[in-house]
Protein backbone atom coordinates (compact mmCIF):
# COMPACT_ATOMS: atom_id res chain seq x y z
CA MET A 1 -19.27 -16.29 -9.93
CA SER A 2 -19.03 -13.64 -12.86
CA PRO A 3 -15.71 -11.71 -13.07
CA THR A 4 -17.69 -8.51 -12.31
CA LEU A 5 -19.13 -9.70 -9.18
CA LYS A 6 -15.92 -11.12 -8.22
CA MET A 7 -14.22 -7.68 -8.78
CA VAL A 8 -17.04 -5.90 -6.84
CA LEU A 9 -16.54 -8.12 -3.93
CA LEU A 10 -12.63 -7.57 -4.07
CA VAL A 11 -13.14 -4.09 -3.96
CA LEU A 12 -15.60 -4.03 -1.21
CA THR A 13 -13.25 -6.20 0.91
CA MET A 14 -10.27 -4.06 0.35
CA ALA A 15 -12.28 -1.07 1.36
CA GLY A 16 -13.67 -2.70 4.55
CA VAL A 17 -9.92 -3.81 5.39
CA THR A 18 -8.77 -0.25 4.83
CA TYR A 19 -11.45 1.39 6.99
CA LEU A 20 -10.82 -0.97 9.83
CA ILE A 21 -7.28 -0.31 9.89
CA ARG A 22 -7.98 3.26 10.08
CA ALA A 23 -11.07 3.10 12.57
CA ILE A 24 -9.72 0.72 14.97
CA PRO A 25 -7.20 3.00 16.68
CA PHE A 26 -9.86 5.47 17.25
CA ALA A 27 -12.03 3.07 19.19
CA PHE A 28 -9.07 2.01 21.48
CA PHE A 29 -7.06 5.32 21.81
CA ARG A 30 -9.66 7.70 23.17
CA LYS A 31 -7.04 10.14 24.97
CA LYS A 32 -3.69 11.63 23.45
CA ILE A 33 -0.88 9.07 23.61
CA LYS A 34 1.67 10.48 26.11
CA SER A 35 4.25 7.67 26.05
CA THR A 36 7.26 9.34 24.02
CA TYR A 37 8.28 5.68 23.02
CA LEU A 38 4.94 4.69 21.78
CA CYS A 39 4.69 7.95 19.95
CA SER A 40 7.91 7.51 18.14
CA VAL A 41 7.18 4.10 17.17
CA LEU A 42 3.99 5.01 15.42
CA TYR A 43 5.61 7.92 13.81
CA TYR A 44 7.93 5.50 11.92
CA VAL A 45 5.67 2.69 11.08
CA PRO A 46 4.31 4.12 7.84
CA TYR A 47 7.78 4.61 6.57
CA ALA A 48 8.67 1.05 7.87
CA VAL A 49 5.70 -0.54 5.93
CA LEU A 50 6.59 1.26 2.60
CA ALA A 51 10.14 0.34 2.94
CA ALA A 52 9.08 -3.13 3.55
CA MET A 53 6.89 -3.26 0.52
CA THR A 54 9.10 -1.37 -1.88
CA PHE A 55 12.66 -2.69 -1.19
CA PRO A 56 12.14 -6.07 -2.40
CA ALA A 57 10.47 -4.94 -5.52
CA ILE A 58 13.47 -3.02 -6.55
CA PHE A 59 15.58 -6.18 -7.11
CA TYR A 60 12.93 -7.84 -9.22
CA SER A 61 11.99 -4.81 -11.37
CA THR A 62 14.93 -4.93 -13.99
CA GLY A 63 15.12 -8.69 -14.47
CA ASN A 64 18.65 -8.73 -13.74
CA ILE A 65 20.01 -8.55 -10.17
CA TYR A 66 23.42 -6.61 -11.07
CA THR A 67 21.52 -3.63 -12.78
CA ALA A 68 19.05 -3.72 -9.71
CA LEU A 69 22.03 -3.48 -7.30
CA VAL A 70 23.78 -0.72 -9.42
CA GLY A 71 20.58 1.28 -9.37
CA THR A 72 20.03 0.82 -5.59
CA ALA A 73 23.63 1.74 -4.78
CA VAL A 74 23.39 4.79 -6.93
CA ALA A 75 20.05 5.81 -5.29
CA LEU A 76 21.26 5.09 -1.76
CA ILE A 77 24.52 7.22 -2.42
CA VAL A 78 22.53 9.89 -3.87
CA SER A 79 20.06 10.19 -1.21
CA PHE A 80 22.69 10.06 1.56
CA VAL A 81 24.44 13.29 0.25
CA LYS A 82 20.95 14.99 0.47
CA GLY A 83 20.02 14.93 -3.26
CA SER A 84 16.44 15.58 -4.13
CA MET A 85 13.92 12.83 -5.01
CA LEU A 86 14.02 13.93 -8.67
CA LEU A 87 17.81 13.53 -8.81
CA VAL A 88 17.72 10.37 -6.80
CA ALA A 89 15.17 8.93 -9.29
CA ALA A 90 17.09 10.28 -12.41
CA LEU A 91 20.46 9.02 -11.66
CA SER A 92 19.39 5.76 -10.57
CA SER A 93 17.29 5.29 -13.57
CA VAL A 94 20.17 6.35 -15.56
CA ALA A 95 22.62 3.77 -13.81
CA VAL A 96 20.28 0.86 -14.56
CA PHE A 97 19.97 2.01 -17.99
């Protein structure tokens, strides 16, 4: 199989999977969801998935676990005191550097 054909098949597979993930809820949930519990769970799913994908990568991004821990600690502290996203990113980058 040529590399170009393989790449096209991979892109088409990713597009299909992405489409199915977005289309399946429309097929099963015809009415508005009235359960407050289910609505609250569905509200936080994107944030949980983003955190699950991002957080492990933080510790392997610098090549040194100690600098990654320092950057993570600074980012968490600044975000908890309501710093802007730009400030969190800048200060944690400076701390890692």
